[in-house]
Amino acid sequence: MLMAAGFTVFHEPIQGDTQTVAVIDFEDCKDPESISAHQVRGVKIVALISEADSREVGFDEIEPLSGILTYDLSGAAFVGSLRLVCSGERVFPRDLAMGRRPQAPPSGMQPRSDGAHLSPREREMLSHLTAGRSNKTIARELGIAEATVKVHLKSVQRKIRVENRTQAAIWALANLPELNATPRGFV
């Protein structure tokens, strides 16, 4: 799956650069020597964990990581998350990133997850976001002001109930089937 998405996969540790990501099991994060070995190579570290276990992670365990991904992510969301990490974003499960445990929505309020309430322009913004583009790049490609991009993205974040652009990109990959194809700009 990763190779089909344009990533090069190594099974042995290598010297890294800004695009190299070591994907490890979260249990390996509990061994300081394991984390240190990856840090010395200069790679970004992404840990895999079960969703239930992710709710128990302490902030001191997060600090050396560029991301934590859960095993239940779709292939597209996993690839998209790794692309975000490569572009310099940190990616964590929403509840962990917000420092709280999941809660049931207030009675009578259904969470929106189908994306039907998003405008075509908002979907376009999410497409650019999942491709790892900055607000400035999005604005230039669409011929609009950067401030307009920010307004659209804030509207998207409010509608899908996320706190930041990384969470919005992950939500889009998990909930908008049209974004499951390789985003423009990536080979």
N, C-alpha and C. Protein backbone atom coordinates (compact mmCIF):
# COMPACT_ATOMS: atom_id res chain seq x y z
N MET A 1 0.83 -1.18 0.00
CA MET A 1 0.00 0.00 0.00
C MET A 1 0.88 1.26 0.00
N LEU A 2 1.91 1.29 0.85
CA LEU A 2 2.78 2.45 0.91
C LEU A 2 3.57 2.64 -0.39
N MET A 3 4.05 1.56 -0.93
CA MET A 3 4.80 1.67 -2.18
C MET A 3 3.89 2.13 -3.31
N ALA A 4 2.66 1.65 -3.33
CA ALA A 4 1.71 2.08 -4.35
C ALA A 4 1.39 3.57 -4.22
N ALA A 5 1.53 4.11 -3.00
CA ALA A 5 1.27 5.53 -2.77
C ALA A 5 2.50 6.39 -3.02
N GLY A 6 3.61 5.78 -3.46
CA GLY A 6 4.80 6.55 -3.80
C GLY A 6 5.86 6.60 -2.72
N PHE A 7 5.65 5.86 -1.62
CA PHE A 7 6.66 5.82 -0.57
C PHE A 7 7.68 4.74 -0.87
N THR A 8 8.90 4.92 -0.39
CA THR A 8 9.91 3.87 -0.44
C THR A 8 9.94 3.24 0.94
N VAL A 9 9.88 1.93 0.99
CA VAL A 9 9.79 1.22 2.27
C VAL A 9 11.10 0.49 2.54
N PHE A 10 11.67 0.74 3.72
CA PHE A 10 12.87 0.04 4.18
C PHE A 10 12.49 -0.77 5.41
N HIS A 11 13.00 -1.96 5.50
CA HIS A 11 12.70 -2.80 6.66
C HIS A 11 13.80 -2.71 7.71
N GLU A 12 14.90 -2.13 7.34
CA GLU A 12 16.01 -1.93 8.28
C GLU A 12 16.20 -0.44 8.49
N PRO A 13 16.63 -0.05 9.69
CA PRO A 13 16.85 1.38 9.95
C PRO A 13 17.87 1.98 8.98
N ILE A 14 17.60 3.22 8.55
CA ILE A 14 18.52 3.93 7.67
C ILE A 14 18.72 5.34 8.22
N GLN A 15 19.76 6.00 7.73
CA GLN A 15 19.97 7.40 8.06
C GLN A 15 18.87 8.19 7.38
N GLY A 16 18.24 9.08 8.09
CA GLY A 16 17.07 9.76 7.55
C GLY A 16 17.31 11.17 7.07
N ASP A 17 16.25 11.75 6.54
CA ASP A 17 16.20 13.15 6.16
C ASP A 17 14.82 13.65 6.56
N THR A 18 14.45 14.83 6.11
CA THR A 18 13.17 15.41 6.54
C THR A 18 11.97 14.64 6.01
N GLN A 19 12.16 13.77 5.03
CA GLN A 19 11.06 13.00 4.47
C GLN A 19 11.01 11.56 4.99
N THR A 20 11.94 11.17 5.84
CA THR A 20 11.99 9.80 6.33
C THR A 20 11.17 9.66 7.60
N VAL A 21 10.32 8.64 7.62
CA VAL A 21 9.45 8.39 8.77
C VAL A 21 9.66 6.95 9.21
N ALA A 22 9.95 6.77 10.49
CA ALA A 22 10.03 5.44 11.08
C ALA A 22 8.67 5.13 11.69
N VAL A 23 8.03 4.07 11.23
CA VAL A 23 6.74 3.64 11.77
C VAL A 23 7.01 2.47 12.70
N ILE A 24 6.68 2.67 13.99
CA ILE A 24 6.99 1.66 15.00
C ILE A 24 5.74 1.35 15.83
N ASP A 25 5.76 0.25 16.51
CA ASP A 25 4.69 -0.08 17.43
C ASP A 25 4.85 0.78 18.68
N PHE A 26 3.74 1.22 19.25
CA PHE A 26 3.81 2.12 20.40
C PHE A 26 4.57 1.50 21.57
N GLU A 27 4.53 0.19 21.72
CA GLU A 27 5.26 -0.47 22.80
C GLU A 27 6.76 -0.18 22.72
N ASP A 28 7.28 0.00 21.50
CA ASP A 28 8.70 0.32 21.32
C ASP A 28 9.04 1.71 21.85
N CYS A 29 8.01 2.58 21.96
CA CYS A 29 8.23 3.94 22.48
C CYS A 29 8.56 3.93 23.97
N LYS A 30 8.22 2.85 24.63
CA LYS A 30 8.47 2.77 26.06
C LYS A 30 9.94 2.44 26.36
N ASP A 31 10.67 2.09 25.31
CA ASP A 31 12.10 1.82 25.44
C ASP A 31 12.87 3.06 24.98
N PRO A 32 13.45 3.82 25.93
CA PRO A 32 14.16 5.06 25.55
C PRO A 32 15.27 4.83 24.52
N GLU A 33 15.91 3.67 24.56
CA GLU A 33 16.98 3.39 23.61
C GLU A 33 16.43 3.29 22.18
N SER A 34 15.24 2.73 22.04
CA SER A 34 14.63 2.61 20.72
C SER A 34 14.33 3.99 20.13
N ILE A 35 13.74 4.86 20.93
CA ILE A 35 13.43 6.22 20.48
C ILE A 35 14.72 6.96 20.18
N SER A 36 15.69 6.83 21.05
CA SER A 36 16.97 7.51 20.87
C SER A 36 17.65 7.08 19.57
N ALA A 37 17.57 5.79 19.26
CA ALA A 37 18.20 5.28 18.03
C ALA A 37 17.57 5.92 16.79
N HIS A 38 16.25 6.10 16.81
CA HIS A 38 15.58 6.76 15.68
C HIS A 38 15.93 8.24 15.62
N GLN A 39 15.98 8.89 16.78
CA GLN A 39 16.30 10.32 16.82
C GLN A 39 17.70 10.59 16.31
N VAL A 40 18.65 9.72 16.63
CA VAL A 40 20.03 9.88 16.17
C VAL A 40 20.10 9.82 14.65
N ARG A 41 19.23 8.99 14.04
CA ARG A 41 19.21 8.88 12.58
C ARG A 41 18.50 10.07 11.93
N GLY A 42 17.85 10.91 12.74
CA GLY A 42 17.20 12.11 12.21
C GLY A 42 15.89 11.86 11.50
N VAL A 43 15.20 10.77 11.86
CA VAL A 43 13.93 10.46 11.23
C VAL A 43 12.76 10.93 12.09
N LYS A 44 11.62 11.13 11.45
CA LYS A 44 10.39 11.41 12.17
C LYS A 44 9.84 10.08 12.66
N ILE A 45 9.26 10.07 13.84
CA ILE A 45 8.79 8.83 14.44
C ILE A 45 7.27 8.86 14.53
N VAL A 46 6.63 7.83 13.97
CA VAL A 46 5.19 7.65 14.07
C VAL A 46 4.94 6.31 14.74
N ALA A 47 4.14 6.31 15.80
CA ALA A 47 3.84 5.09 16.53
C ALA A 47 2.44 4.59 16.19
N LEU A 48 2.31 3.28 16.10
CA LEU A 48 1.01 2.65 15.87
C LEU A 48 0.48 2.11 17.20
N ILE A 49 -0.81 2.33 17.45
CA ILE A 49 -1.41 1.95 18.73
C ILE A 49 -2.89 1.63 18.50
N SER A 50 -3.45 0.83 19.39
CA SER A 50 -4.90 0.59 19.30
C SER A 50 -5.63 1.84 19.75
N GLU A 51 -6.84 2.04 19.24
CA GLU A 51 -7.60 3.23 19.61
C GLU A 51 -7.85 3.28 21.11
N ALA A 52 -8.17 2.14 21.71
CA ALA A 52 -8.43 2.11 23.15
C ALA A 52 -7.19 2.51 23.94
N ASP A 53 -6.03 2.00 23.54
CA ASP A 53 -4.79 2.33 24.24
C ASP A 53 -4.39 3.78 24.04
N SER A 54 -4.79 4.37 22.91
CA SER A 54 -4.40 5.76 22.63
C SER A 54 -5.01 6.72 23.65
N ARG A 55 -6.09 6.32 24.28
CA ARG A 55 -6.75 7.18 25.27
C ARG A 55 -5.97 7.25 26.58
N GLU A 56 -5.01 6.37 26.74
CA GLU A 56 -4.24 6.30 27.99
C GLU A 56 -2.82 6.85 27.85
N VAL A 57 -2.48 7.38 26.70
CA VAL A 57 -1.13 7.87 26.45
C VAL A 57 -0.90 9.18 27.19
N GLY A 58 0.25 9.28 27.85
CA GLY A 58 0.61 10.50 28.55
C GLY A 58 1.32 11.48 27.61
N PHE A 59 1.24 12.76 27.96
CA PHE A 59 1.85 13.77 27.09
C PHE A 59 3.37 13.62 27.02
N ASP A 60 4.01 13.08 28.06
CA ASP A 60 5.45 12.86 28.01
C ASP A 60 5.81 11.78 27.00
N GLU A 61 4.88 10.86 26.74
CA GLU A 61 5.12 9.82 25.74
C GLU A 61 4.94 10.35 24.32
N ILE A 62 4.19 11.42 24.17
CA ILE A 62 3.92 12.01 22.86
C ILE A 62 5.09 12.87 22.39
N GLU A 63 5.75 13.52 23.30
CA GLU A 63 6.74 14.55 23.00
C GLU A 63 7.76 14.17 21.91
N PRO A 64 8.37 12.98 21.95
CA PRO A 64 9.37 12.69 20.91
C PRO A 64 8.79 12.24 19.56
N LEU A 65 7.47 12.13 19.49
CA LEU A 65 6.84 11.57 18.29
C LEU A 65 6.34 12.64 17.34
N SER A 66 6.36 12.31 16.06
CA SER A 66 5.75 13.17 15.05
C SER A 66 4.29 12.79 14.84
N GLY A 67 3.92 11.63 15.36
CA GLY A 67 2.53 11.21 15.22
C GLY A 67 2.24 9.91 15.92
N ILE A 68 0.96 9.72 16.20
CA ILE A 68 0.44 8.45 16.68
C ILE A 68 -0.75 8.14 15.79
N LEU A 69 -0.73 6.96 15.19
CA LEU A 69 -1.82 6.52 14.33
C LEU A 69 -2.41 5.24 14.91
N THR A 70 -3.72 5.10 14.77
CA THR A 70 -4.37 3.91 15.31
C THR A 70 -4.45 2.83 14.23
N TYR A 71 -4.46 1.59 14.68
CA TYR A 71 -4.47 0.46 13.76
C TYR A 71 -5.74 0.41 12.91
N ASP A 72 -6.80 1.05 13.34
CA ASP A 72 -8.07 0.96 12.62
C ASP A 72 -8.23 2.00 11.52
N LEU A 73 -7.20 2.80 11.25
CA LEU A 73 -7.29 3.78 10.15
C LEU A 73 -7.43 3.07 8.81
N SER A 74 -8.17 3.69 7.92
CA SER A 74 -8.25 3.15 6.56
C SER A 74 -6.88 3.33 5.90
N GLY A 75 -6.65 2.60 4.83
CA GLY A 75 -5.39 2.73 4.11
C GLY A 75 -5.16 4.16 3.62
N ALA A 76 -6.22 4.78 3.10
CA ALA A 76 -6.11 6.15 2.59
C ALA A 76 -5.78 7.13 3.72
N ALA A 77 -6.43 6.96 4.87
CA ALA A 77 -6.17 7.84 6.00
C ALA A 77 -4.75 7.64 6.52
N PHE A 78 -4.28 6.40 6.52
CA PHE A 78 -2.92 6.10 6.97
C PHE A 78 -1.90 6.78 6.05
N VAL A 79 -2.07 6.59 4.76
CA VAL A 79 -1.16 7.21 3.78
C VAL A 79 -1.22 8.73 3.89
N GLY A 80 -2.43 9.27 3.98
CA GLY A 80 -2.58 10.72 4.11
C GLY A 80 -1.93 11.26 5.37
N SER A 81 -2.05 10.52 6.45
CA SER A 81 -1.43 10.93 7.71
C SER A 81 0.08 10.94 7.59
N LEU A 82 0.65 9.93 6.95
CA LEU A 82 2.10 9.89 6.75
C LEU A 82 2.56 11.05 5.85
N ARG A 83 1.75 11.40 4.86
CA ARG A 83 2.10 12.55 4.01
C ARG A 83 2.11 13.84 4.83
N LEU A 84 1.15 13.97 5.73
CA LEU A 84 1.12 15.16 6.60
C LEU A 84 2.36 15.21 7.48
N VAL A 85 2.76 14.07 8.02
CA VAL A 85 3.98 14.02 8.85
C VAL A 85 5.19 14.42 8.00
N CYS A 86 5.27 13.92 6.78
CA CYS A 86 6.39 14.27 5.89
C CYS A 86 6.43 15.76 5.59
N SER A 87 5.25 16.40 5.57
CA SER A 87 5.20 17.83 5.28
C SER A 87 5.43 18.69 6.52
N GLY A 88 5.70 18.03 7.67
CA GLY A 88 6.03 18.78 8.87
C GLY A 88 4.93 18.87 9.91
N GLU A 89 3.76 18.31 9.63
CA GLU A 89 2.66 18.32 10.60
C GLU A 89 2.87 17.20 11.62
N ARG A 90 2.30 17.39 12.80
CA ARG A 90 2.25 16.32 13.79
C ARG A 90 0.82 15.78 13.78
N VAL A 91 0.66 14.47 13.79
CA VAL A 91 -0.64 13.84 13.65
C VAL A 91 -0.92 12.93 14.84
N PHE A 92 -2.05 13.18 15.49
CA PHE A 92 -2.44 12.40 16.66
C PHE A 92 -3.94 12.15 16.62
N PRO A 93 -4.43 11.08 17.27
CA PRO A 93 -5.88 10.90 17.35
C PRO A 93 -6.51 12.14 17.98
N ARG A 94 -7.67 12.51 17.49
CA ARG A 94 -8.33 13.75 17.90
C ARG A 94 -8.46 13.88 19.41
N ASP A 95 -8.98 12.85 20.07
CA ASP A 95 -9.19 12.95 21.51
C ASP A 95 -7.89 13.08 22.28
N LEU A 96 -6.85 12.43 21.81
CA LEU A 96 -5.55 12.54 22.45
C LEU A 96 -4.97 13.94 22.24
N ALA A 97 -5.08 14.45 21.02
CA ALA A 97 -4.55 15.78 20.72
C ALA A 97 -5.27 16.86 21.50
N MET A 98 -6.55 16.64 21.79
CA MET A 98 -7.32 17.63 22.52
C MET A 98 -7.22 17.43 24.04
N GLY A 99 -6.52 16.38 24.44
CA GLY A 99 -6.30 16.16 25.87
C GLY A 99 -7.54 15.73 26.62
N ARG A 100 -8.44 15.02 25.93
CA ARG A 100 -9.64 14.56 26.63
C ARG A 100 -10.09 13.23 26.08
N ARG A 101 -10.90 12.58 26.82
CA ARG A 101 -11.46 11.29 26.43
C ARG A 101 -12.70 11.53 25.56
N PRO A 102 -13.02 10.58 24.70
CA PRO A 102 -14.21 10.75 23.88
C PRO A 102 -15.46 10.83 24.76
N GLN A 103 -16.40 11.65 24.34
CA GLN A 103 -17.66 11.76 25.05
C GLN A 103 -18.78 11.57 24.06
N ALA A 104 -19.91 11.08 24.57
CA ALA A 104 -21.08 10.93 23.70
C ALA A 104 -21.60 12.31 23.35
N PRO A 105 -22.12 12.50 22.15
CA PRO A 105 -22.69 13.80 21.81
C PRO A 105 -23.91 14.07 22.67
N PRO A 106 -24.24 15.34 22.90
CA PRO A 106 -25.43 15.64 23.67
C PRO A 106 -26.65 14.99 23.04
N SER A 107 -27.62 14.58 23.88
CA SER A 107 -28.79 13.88 23.36
C SER A 107 -29.49 14.71 22.29
N GLY A 108 -29.93 14.03 21.25
CA GLY A 108 -30.61 14.71 20.16
C GLY A 108 -29.66 15.30 19.13
N MET A 109 -28.37 15.28 19.39
CA MET A 109 -27.41 15.86 18.46
C MET A 109 -26.61 14.73 17.82
N GLN A 110 -26.72 14.59 16.53
CA GLN A 110 -26.01 13.54 15.82
C GLN A 110 -24.71 14.10 15.25
N PRO A 111 -23.60 13.39 15.44
CA PRO A 111 -22.36 13.88 14.85
C PRO A 111 -22.45 13.81 13.33
N ARG A 112 -21.89 14.80 12.67
CA ARG A 112 -21.89 14.82 11.21
C ARG A 112 -20.60 14.17 10.74
N SER A 113 -20.73 13.16 9.92
CA SER A 113 -19.51 12.53 9.43
C SER A 113 -19.58 12.18 7.95
N ASP A 114 -20.69 12.52 7.30
CA ASP A 114 -20.80 12.14 5.90
C ASP A 114 -20.31 13.22 4.94
N GLY A 115 -20.10 14.42 5.42
CA GLY A 115 -19.60 15.49 4.57
C GLY A 115 -20.65 16.10 3.66
N ALA A 116 -21.90 15.65 3.74
CA ALA A 116 -22.96 16.18 2.86
C ALA A 116 -23.23 17.65 3.13
N HIS A 117 -22.90 18.13 4.30
CA HIS A 117 -23.16 19.51 4.69
C HIS A 117 -22.06 20.46 4.24
N LEU A 118 -21.04 19.96 3.58
CA LEU A 118 -19.94 20.81 3.11
C LEU A 118 -20.23 21.33 1.71
N SER A 119 -19.86 22.58 1.48
CA SER A 119 -20.03 23.18 0.15
C SER A 119 -18.96 22.61 -0.79
N PRO A 120 -19.16 22.75 -2.10
CA PRO A 120 -18.14 22.29 -3.04
C PRO A 120 -16.78 22.98 -2.79
N ARG A 121 -16.79 24.26 -2.43
CA ARG A 121 -15.54 24.98 -2.16
C ARG A 121 -14.86 24.41 -0.91
N GLU A 122 -15.65 24.07 0.10
CA GLU A 122 -15.08 23.50 1.32
C GLU A 122 -14.48 22.13 1.04
N ARG A 123 -15.13 21.35 0.19
CA ARG A 123 -14.56 20.05 -0.20
C ARG A 123 -13.25 20.25 -0.97
N GLU A 124 -13.22 21.28 -1.80
CA GLU A 124 -12.01 21.60 -2.54
C GLU A 124 -10.88 21.97 -1.58
N MET A 125 -11.21 22.73 -0.54
CA MET A 125 -10.21 23.11 0.47
C MET A 125 -9.66 21.86 1.14
N LEU A 126 -10.55 20.92 1.47
CA LEU A 126 -10.10 19.67 2.11
C LEU A 126 -9.21 18.87 1.18
N SER A 127 -9.51 18.90 -0.10
CA SER A 127 -8.67 18.20 -1.08
C SER A 127 -7.25 18.76 -1.06
N HIS A 128 -7.15 20.08 -1.04
CA HIS A 128 -5.82 20.71 -0.99
C HIS A 128 -5.13 20.41 0.34
N LEU A 129 -5.92 20.40 1.41
CA LEU A 129 -5.36 20.14 2.74
C LEU A 129 -4.78 18.73 2.81
N THR A 130 -5.50 17.75 2.27
CA THR A 130 -5.00 16.37 2.31
C THR A 130 -3.77 16.19 1.44
N ALA A 131 -3.57 17.10 0.50
CA ALA A 131 -2.36 17.05 -0.33
C ALA A 131 -1.19 17.74 0.35
N GLY A 132 -1.43 18.26 1.58
CA GLY A 132 -0.35 18.87 2.35
C GLY A 132 -0.01 20.29 1.93
N ARG A 133 -0.91 20.98 1.26
CA ARG A 133 -0.61 22.33 0.79
C ARG A 133 -0.84 23.37 1.88
N SER A 134 -0.03 24.41 1.86
CA SER A 134 -0.16 25.52 2.80
C SER A 134 -1.29 26.44 2.35
N ASN A 135 -1.76 27.30 3.25
CA ASN A 135 -2.80 28.28 2.89
C ASN A 135 -2.34 29.15 1.73
N LYS A 136 -1.08 29.55 1.76
CA LYS A 136 -0.55 30.42 0.71
C LYS A 136 -0.58 29.72 -0.66
N THR A 137 -0.19 28.45 -0.67
CA THR A 137 -0.20 27.68 -1.92
C THR A 137 -1.62 27.48 -2.43
N ILE A 138 -2.55 27.16 -1.51
CA ILE A 138 -3.95 26.99 -1.90
C ILE A 138 -4.48 28.28 -2.51
N ALA A 139 -4.21 29.39 -1.85
CA ALA A 139 -4.68 30.69 -2.34
C ALA A 139 -4.14 30.98 -3.74
N ARG A 140 -2.86 30.73 -3.94
CA ARG A 140 -2.24 31.00 -5.24
C ARG A 140 -2.86 30.11 -6.32
N GLU A 141 -3.07 28.81 -6.02
CA GLU A 141 -3.63 27.90 -7.02
C GLU A 141 -5.07 28.24 -7.37
N LEU A 142 -5.84 28.74 -6.38
CA LEU A 142 -7.25 29.05 -6.63
C LEU A 142 -7.48 30.49 -7.04
N GLY A 143 -6.44 31.32 -6.98
CA GLY A 143 -6.58 32.72 -7.36
C GLY A 143 -7.43 33.52 -6.38
N ILE A 144 -7.30 33.17 -5.08
CA ILE A 144 -8.04 33.90 -4.04
C ILE A 144 -7.06 34.38 -2.98
N ALA A 145 -7.54 35.22 -2.08
CA ALA A 145 -6.68 35.74 -1.02
C ALA A 145 -6.44 34.65 0.04
N GLU A 146 -5.28 34.71 0.65
CA GLU A 146 -4.95 33.77 1.71
C GLU A 146 -5.96 33.87 2.86
N ALA A 147 -6.42 35.07 3.14
CA ALA A 147 -7.42 35.27 4.20
C ALA A 147 -8.72 34.53 3.87
N THR A 148 -9.06 34.47 2.59
CA THR A 148 -10.26 33.74 2.17
C THR A 148 -10.09 32.24 2.41
N VAL A 149 -8.91 31.73 2.15
CA VAL A 149 -8.62 30.32 2.42
C VAL A 149 -8.82 30.05 3.91
N LYS A 150 -8.30 30.93 4.76
CA LYS A 150 -8.44 30.76 6.21
C LYS A 150 -9.91 30.73 6.63
N VAL A 151 -10.71 31.60 6.02
CA VAL A 151 -12.14 31.64 6.35
C VAL A 151 -12.81 30.32 5.96
N HIS A 152 -12.50 29.83 4.76
CA HIS A 152 -13.08 28.55 4.33
C HIS A 152 -12.65 27.41 5.26
N LEU A 153 -11.38 27.37 5.62
CA LEU A 153 -10.89 26.29 6.48
C LEU A 153 -11.50 26.36 7.87
N LYS A 154 -11.67 27.55 8.41
CA LYS A 154 -12.32 27.70 9.73
C LYS A 154 -13.76 27.19 9.66
N SER A 155 -14.45 27.49 8.56
CA SER A 155 -15.82 27.03 8.38
C SER A 155 -15.86 25.50 8.32
N VAL A 156 -14.93 24.91 7.60
CA VAL A 156 -14.84 23.45 7.51
C VAL A 156 -14.61 22.86 8.90
N GLN A 157 -13.63 23.42 9.63
CA GLN A 157 -13.31 22.90 10.95
C GLN A 157 -14.52 22.95 11.88
N ARG A 158 -15.27 24.03 11.80
CA ARG A 158 -16.46 24.17 12.64
C ARG A 158 -17.51 23.13 12.26
N LYS A 159 -17.74 22.96 10.96
CA LYS A 159 -18.77 22.02 10.49
C LYS A 159 -18.45 20.58 10.83
N ILE A 160 -17.19 20.20 10.73
CA ILE A 160 -16.84 18.79 10.99
C ILE A 160 -16.34 18.59 12.41
N ARG A 161 -16.36 19.66 13.19
CA ARG A 161 -16.04 19.62 14.62
C ARG A 161 -14.63 19.09 14.90
N VAL A 162 -13.65 19.75 14.28
CA VAL A 162 -12.25 19.46 14.57
C VAL A 162 -11.57 20.75 14.98
N GLU A 163 -10.39 20.62 15.58
CA GLU A 163 -9.69 21.77 16.15
C GLU A 163 -8.63 22.39 15.24
N ASN A 164 -8.09 21.61 14.28
CA ASN A 164 -7.01 22.15 13.46
C ASN A 164 -7.00 21.51 12.07
N ARG A 165 -6.13 22.00 11.22
CA ARG A 165 -6.08 21.55 9.84
C ARG A 165 -5.62 20.10 9.71
N THR A 166 -4.77 19.63 10.59
CA THR A 166 -4.34 18.23 10.55
C THR A 166 -5.53 17.31 10.83
N GLN A 167 -6.30 17.64 11.85
CA GLN A 167 -7.48 16.83 12.16
C GLN A 167 -8.48 16.89 11.00
N ALA A 168 -8.60 18.05 10.37
CA ALA A 168 -9.51 18.20 9.24
C ALA A 168 -9.07 17.30 8.08
N ALA A 169 -7.78 17.25 7.81
CA ALA A 169 -7.28 16.41 6.72
C ALA A 169 -7.52 14.94 7.01
N ILE A 170 -7.29 14.52 8.25
CA ILE A 170 -7.52 13.13 8.61
C ILE A 170 -9.01 12.80 8.50
N TRP A 171 -9.86 13.72 8.98
CA TRP A 171 -11.31 13.52 8.88
C TRP A 171 -11.70 13.37 7.41
N ALA A 172 -11.16 14.22 6.56
CA ALA A 172 -11.51 14.18 5.14
C ALA A 172 -11.12 12.85 4.51
N LEU A 173 -9.95 12.36 4.83
CA LEU A 173 -9.50 11.09 4.25
C LEU A 173 -10.37 9.93 4.73
N ALA A 174 -10.85 10.02 5.96
CA ALA A 174 -11.67 8.95 6.52
C ALA A 174 -13.13 9.04 6.09
N ASN A 175 -13.61 10.24 5.72
CA ASN A 175 -15.05 10.43 5.50
C ASN A 175 -15.46 10.86 4.09
N LEU A 176 -14.52 11.24 3.26
CA LEU A 176 -14.86 11.68 1.91
C LEU A 176 -14.23 10.72 0.90
N PRO A 177 -15.02 9.80 0.37
CA PRO A 177 -14.46 8.78 -0.53
C PRO A 177 -13.74 9.36 -1.74
N GLU A 178 -14.18 10.53 -2.22
CA GLU A 178 -13.53 11.10 -3.40
C GLU A 178 -12.09 11.52 -3.13
N LEU A 179 -11.69 11.61 -1.86
CA LEU A 179 -10.32 11.99 -1.53
C LEU A 179 -9.43 10.77 -1.31
N ASN A 180 -9.98 9.57 -1.45
CA ASN A 180 -9.19 8.37 -1.22
C ASN A 180 -8.20 8.09 -2.34
N ALA A 181 -8.38 8.74 -3.48
CA ALA A 181 -7.40 8.62 -4.57
C ALA A 181 -6.18 9.43 -4.21
N THR A 182 -5.06 9.16 -4.84
CA THR A 182 -3.84 9.90 -4.56
C THR A 182 -4.07 11.37 -4.86
N PRO A 183 -3.84 12.25 -3.88
CA PRO A 183 -4.06 13.68 -4.11
C PRO A 183 -3.12 14.22 -5.18
N ARG A 184 -3.60 15.26 -5.88
CA ARG A 184 -2.74 15.92 -6.86
C ARG A 184 -1.47 16.42 -6.17
N GLY A 185 -0.39 16.40 -6.88
CA GLY A 185 0.84 16.93 -6.33
C GLY A 185 1.72 15.87 -5.71
N PHE A 186 1.23 14.63 -5.58
CA PHE A 186 2.03 13.55 -5.03
C PHE A 186 2.17 12.47 -6.08
N VAL A 187 3.34 11.88 -6.13
CA VAL A 187 3.59 10.82 -7.10
C VAL A 187 3.64 9.51 -6.38
